């Protein structure tokens, strides 16, 4: 074999290797809904988070909110379920409450009730009976919420966005994975698909964590979760919106 033929053969193998490596390096995109979650790994019991904001990453923390949550098994209208309760307190004032009931078998939402102090609005949805009630708030937000509820009836296997700290940790994690997640925050706009990417692993206090990233549209920022590999608990959340930050940190239960 002459030099020219050997060179051609070498570059042919190199081209095949590069193409093969590129294919293997492609990020795997997986479409998921509530039934794709690992319902047996949901974290039970009480948990607490501290939420605060910063106008810059190195600036002082402001707007401190203490969040108390509890997850336990229940039976709702003869359906085996998980109930998730949230209570948010800003300084010494209750600012938000929620009660969510998810079907045990596939983590679909069967009941959801929320109240926000800032809007003085309460929404209550019962998917088993088809009941939807909204009180308070302005007409525009009520219309958007009602339209969102009607749109959600066509497929109830959305991932309840309001329970992201409990549900996103149940995704089927792997390196170089992108999840196309059907999400819906009941009481707000209609269900839709959003993309969450696994950026890799980071160790926080000797605890290896998956890093799950959601990129906001138009490069406005991101929402990022650090999820413990050992117990599927969100250790930290960091949100960036146009240079303003919000953090959620897991704290020891009082």
Protein backbone atom coordinates (compact mmCIF):
# COMPACT_ATOMS: atom_id res chain seq x y z
CA UNK A 1 0.00 0.00 0.00
CA UNK A 2 1.50 3.37 -1.01
CA UNK A 3 1.64 6.51 1.15
CA UNK A 4 -1.36 8.18 -0.56
CA UNK A 5 -3.58 5.10 -0.13
CA UNK A 6 -2.53 4.76 3.52
CA UNK A 7 -3.31 8.43 4.15
CA UNK A 8 -6.76 8.10 2.55
CA UNK A 9 -7.48 5.00 4.62
CA UNK A 10 -6.37 6.77 7.83
CA UNK A 11 -8.64 9.76 7.22
CA UNK A 12 -11.53 7.46 6.28
CA UNK A 13 -11.24 5.71 9.65
CA UNK A 14 -10.83 9.08 11.41
CA UNK A 15 -13.99 10.40 9.73
CA UNK A 16 -15.96 7.31 10.76
CA UNK A 17 -14.65 7.63 14.34
CA UNK A 18 -15.61 11.33 14.57
CA UNK A 19 -19.09 10.69 13.20
CA UNK A 20 -19.58 7.76 15.56
CA UNK A 21 -18.39 9.80 18.54
CA UNK A 22 -20.72 12.64 17.61
CA UNK A 23 -23.67 10.27 17.45
CA UNK A 24 -22.77 8.77 20.83
CA UNK A 25 -22.37 12.25 22.32
CA UNK A 26 -25.82 13.34 21.27
CA UNK A 27 -28.02 14.28 24.19
CA UNK A 28 -30.84 11.83 24.74
CA UNK A 29 -34.25 13.56 24.84
CA UNK A 30 -37.02 11.76 26.68
CA UNK A 31 -40.67 12.84 26.68
CA UNK A 32 -42.15 12.34 30.14
CA UNK A 33 -45.39 12.89 32.01
CA UNK A 34 -46.53 12.06 35.54
CA UNK A 35 -46.62 8.32 34.80
CA UNK A 36 -42.90 8.41 33.89
CA UNK A 37 -41.91 9.42 37.43
CA UNK A 38 -40.61 6.97 40.00
CA UNK A 39 -43.63 7.03 42.30
CA UNK A 40 -41.98 4.69 44.81
CA UNK A 41 -39.13 7.12 45.51
CA UNK A 42 -41.19 10.14 46.55
CA UNK A 43 -39.80 11.63 49.76
CA UNK A 44 -42.24 11.14 52.62
CA UNK A 45 -42.66 13.12 55.81
CA UNK A 46 -41.87 16.74 56.68
CA UNK A 47 -39.35 19.02 55.01
CA UNK A 48 -38.45 22.70 55.16
CA UNK A 49 -36.88 25.17 52.76
CA UNK A 50 -35.62 28.71 53.09
CA UNK A 51 -36.39 30.96 50.12
CA UNK A 52 -34.64 34.28 49.58
CA UNK A 53 -33.82 36.65 46.73
CA UNK A 54 -30.80 38.67 45.68
CA UNK A 55 -30.50 41.53 43.19
CA UNK A 56 -27.02 40.20 42.39
CA UNK A 57 -25.36 36.92 43.30
CA UNK A 58 -22.93 38.57 45.74
CA UNK A 59 -25.43 41.03 47.24
CA UNK A 60 -27.27 40.58 50.56
CA UNK A 61 -30.29 38.25 50.78
CA UNK A 62 -33.76 39.81 50.95
CA UNK A 63 -37.40 38.68 51.07
CA UNK A 64 -36.86 35.65 53.29
CA UNK A 65 -39.64 33.05 53.22
CA UNK A 66 -39.83 29.89 55.31
CA UNK A 67 -41.57 26.94 53.63
CA UNK A 68 -42.94 23.94 55.50
CA UNK A 69 -44.00 20.86 53.53
CA UNK A 70 -45.36 17.45 54.34
CA UNK A 71 -45.99 14.37 52.20
CA UNK A 72 -48.01 11.42 53.42
CA UNK A 73 -50.17 8.62 52.08
CA UNK A 74 -53.92 9.00 52.13
CA UNK A 75 -57.08 7.65 50.56
CA UNK A 76 -59.07 10.23 48.63
CA UNK A 77 -62.53 9.14 47.49
CA UNK A 78 -61.38 5.51 47.61
CA UNK A 79 -58.27 6.25 45.54
CA UNK A 80 -54.87 5.45 47.06
CA UNK A 81 -52.98 8.73 46.98
CA UNK A 82 -50.17 10.94 48.19
CA UNK A 83 -51.03 14.29 49.78
CA UNK A 84 -48.56 17.20 49.64
CA UNK A 85 -49.16 20.15 51.95
CA UNK A 86 -47.25 23.44 51.71
CA UNK A 87 -47.25 26.46 54.01
CA UNK A 88 -45.19 29.57 53.20
CA UNK A 89 -44.46 32.24 55.82
CA UNK A 90 -42.88 35.63 55.07
CA UNK A 91 -41.50 37.14 58.27
CA UNK A 92 -44.43 36.53 60.63
CA UNK A 93 -47.21 36.45 57.99
CA UNK A 94 -48.69 33.46 56.20
CA UNK A 95 -48.29 34.14 52.46
CA UNK A 96 -49.26 30.91 50.69
CA UNK A 97 -50.85 27.53 51.32
CA UNK A 98 -51.50 24.56 49.08
CA UNK A 99 -52.93 21.07 49.28
CA UNK A 100 -52.25 18.65 46.44
CA UNK A 101 -53.39 15.05 46.11
CA UNK A 102 -51.68 12.78 43.59
CA UNK A 103 -52.81 9.32 42.57
CA UNK A 104 -50.47 6.71 44.00
CA UNK A 105 -50.29 4.62 40.81
CA UNK A 106 -49.15 7.31 38.36
CA UNK A 107 -48.76 10.60 40.31
CA UNK A 108 -51.48 12.32 38.29
CA UNK A 109 -53.18 15.20 40.09
CA UNK A 110 -56.67 14.43 41.38
CA UNK A 111 -57.09 17.39 43.76
CA UNK A 112 -55.37 20.76 44.08
CA UNK A 113 -56.17 23.76 46.26
CA UNK A 114 -54.02 26.89 46.55
CA UNK A 115 -54.22 30.29 48.21
CA UNK A 116 -51.93 33.27 47.63
CA UNK A 117 -51.98 36.26 49.96
CA UNK A 118 -50.55 38.64 47.35
CA UNK A 119 -53.53 38.15 45.03
CA UNK A 120 -56.03 37.10 47.69
CA UNK A 121 -57.02 34.31 45.31
CA UNK A 122 -58.07 30.76 46.11
CA UNK A 123 -58.35 28.02 43.50
CA UNK A 124 -59.78 24.56 44.13
CA UNK A 125 -59.79 21.77 41.57
CA UNK A 126 -61.18 18.27 41.99
CA UNK A 127 -60.47 16.16 38.93
CA UNK A 128 -62.47 13.19 40.18
CA UNK A 129 -65.69 15.21 40.30
CA UNK A 130 -64.75 17.81 37.68
CA UNK A 131 -65.25 20.62 40.21
CA UNK A 132 -63.42 23.88 39.67
CA UNK A 133 -63.80 26.88 41.99
CA UNK A 134 -61.87 30.14 41.98
CA UNK A 135 -62.40 33.01 44.38
CA UNK A 136 -60.69 36.40 44.45
CA UNK A 137 -58.18 37.82 42.00
CA UNK A 138 -58.82 39.90 38.89
CA UNK A 139 -60.97 38.90 35.93
CA UNK A 140 -57.99 38.32 33.63
CA UNK A 141 -56.31 35.85 35.98
CA UNK A 142 -59.62 34.07 36.56
CA UNK A 143 -60.17 33.66 32.83
CA UNK A 144 -56.63 32.36 32.30
CA UNK A 145 -57.04 29.89 35.16
CA UNK A 146 -60.38 28.62 33.86
CA UNK A 147 -58.99 28.17 30.34
CA UNK A 148 -56.01 26.31 31.77
CA UNK A 149 -58.26 23.98 33.74
CA UNK A 150 -60.40 23.15 30.71
CA UNK A 151 -57.29 22.45 28.63
CA UNK A 152 -55.92 20.11 31.32
CA UNK A 153 -58.98 17.86 31.16
CA UNK A 154 -57.88 16.29 27.88
CA UNK A 155 -54.87 14.60 29.50
CA UNK A 156 -54.49 14.42 33.28
CA UNK A 157 -50.97 12.96 33.22
CA UNK A 158 -49.28 16.36 33.47
CA UNK A 159 -46.54 16.85 36.07
CA UNK A 160 -47.89 19.22 38.71
CA UNK A 161 -45.52 22.18 38.43
CA UNK A 162 -46.48 23.46 41.86
CA UNK A 163 -44.92 20.33 43.38
CA UNK A 164 -41.63 20.60 41.49
CA UNK A 165 -39.48 20.18 44.60
CA UNK A 166 -41.03 16.77 45.18
CA UNK A 167 -41.69 15.56 41.63
CA UNK A 168 -38.68 16.63 39.54
CA UNK A 169 -36.44 14.52 41.76
CA UNK A 170 -38.36 11.45 40.51
CA UNK A 171 -37.33 11.83 36.87
CA UNK A 172 -35.35 8.95 35.31
CA UNK A 173 -31.96 10.64 35.59
CA UNK A 174 -28.91 9.89 33.50
CA UNK A 175 -25.94 11.83 32.13
CA UNK A 176 -26.56 13.92 29.01
CA UNK A 177 -30.31 13.59 29.26
CA UNK A 178 -32.97 16.14 28.31
CA UNK A 179 -36.50 15.72 29.60
CA UNK A 180 -39.42 17.06 27.61
CA UNK A 181 -41.85 17.39 30.50
CA UNK A 182 -45.56 18.01 30.28
CA UNK A 183 -46.13 20.49 33.12
CA UNK A 184 -49.13 22.35 34.49
CA UNK A 185 -49.56 24.59 37.51
CA UNK A 186 -53.26 24.19 38.32
CA UNK A 187 -54.97 27.52 38.77
CA UNK A 188 -52.80 29.20 36.16
CA UNK A 189 -52.24 28.92 32.39
CA UNK A 190 -52.72 25.77 30.30
CA UNK A 191 -50.49 22.64 30.33
CA UNK A 192 -47.46 22.71 28.06
CA UNK A 193 -44.17 20.96 27.39
CA UNK A 194 -40.95 22.37 28.83
CA UNK A 195 -37.38 21.11 28.46
CA UNK A 196 -35.19 20.26 31.45
CA UNK A 197 -31.58 19.25 30.88
CA UNK A 198 -29.27 17.23 33.12
CA UNK A 199 -26.06 19.28 33.21
CA UNK A 200 -24.06 16.74 35.18
CA UNK A 201 -23.13 16.02 38.78
CA UNK A 202 -21.94 18.27 41.61
CA UNK A 203 -21.03 17.27 45.15
CA UNK A 204 -22.65 19.37 47.88
CA UNK A 205 -21.39 18.61 51.40
CA UNK A 206 -20.24 15.12 50.38
CA UNK A 207 -23.58 14.51 48.69
CA UNK A 208 -23.42 13.81 44.92
CA UNK A 209 -26.29 15.65 43.20
CA UNK A 210 -27.77 15.71 39.74
CA UNK A 211 -27.95 19.24 38.30
CA UNK A 212 -31.25 19.76 36.48
CA UNK A 213 -31.53 22.93 34.42
CA UNK A 214 -34.50 24.75 32.85
CA UNK A 215 -33.57 27.52 30.43
CA UNK A 216 -35.96 30.45 30.35
CA UNK A 217 -37.05 31.65 26.89
CA UNK A 218 -35.25 34.51 25.15
CA UNK A 219 -32.13 34.01 27.30
CA UNK A 220 -33.89 35.60 30.27
CA UNK A 221 -32.26 33.23 32.74
CA UNK A 222 -32.64 29.76 34.20
CA UNK A 223 -34.07 27.60 36.96
CA UNK A 224 -31.67 25.02 38.35
CA UNK A 225 -32.09 22.16 40.83
CA UNK A 226 -29.48 20.15 42.75
CA UNK A 227 -31.03 16.73 43.48
CA UNK A 228 -29.40 14.25 45.82
CA UNK A 229 -28.66 10.95 44.10
CA UNK A 230 -28.87 8.98 47.35
CA UNK A 231 -32.35 9.96 48.54
CA UNK A 232 -33.92 11.90 45.63
CA UNK A 233 -34.29 15.14 47.63
CA UNK A 234 -33.80 18.64 46.21
CA UNK A 235 -30.93 20.12 48.21
CA UNK A 236 -30.89 23.49 46.48
CA UNK A 237 -32.65 25.49 43.79
CA UNK A 238 -31.18 28.54 42.07
CA UNK A 239 -33.26 30.76 39.78
CA UNK A 240 -31.86 33.58 37.67
CA UNK A 241 -34.19 36.04 35.97
CA UNK A 242 -32.42 38.89 34.18
CA UNK A 243 -29.69 39.04 36.80
CA UNK A 244 -32.01 38.74 39.78
CA UNK A 245 -31.63 35.58 41.85
CA UNK A 246 -33.93 33.43 43.96
CA UNK A 247 -32.65 30.57 46.07
CA UNK A 248 -34.39 27.68 47.81
CA UNK A 249 -32.25 25.83 50.33
CA UNK A 250 -33.14 22.63 52.15
CA UNK A 251 -32.89 23.18 55.90
CA UNK A 252 -33.13 20.93 58.94
CA UNK A 253 -36.70 20.44 60.16
CA UNK A 254 -37.35 22.54 63.28
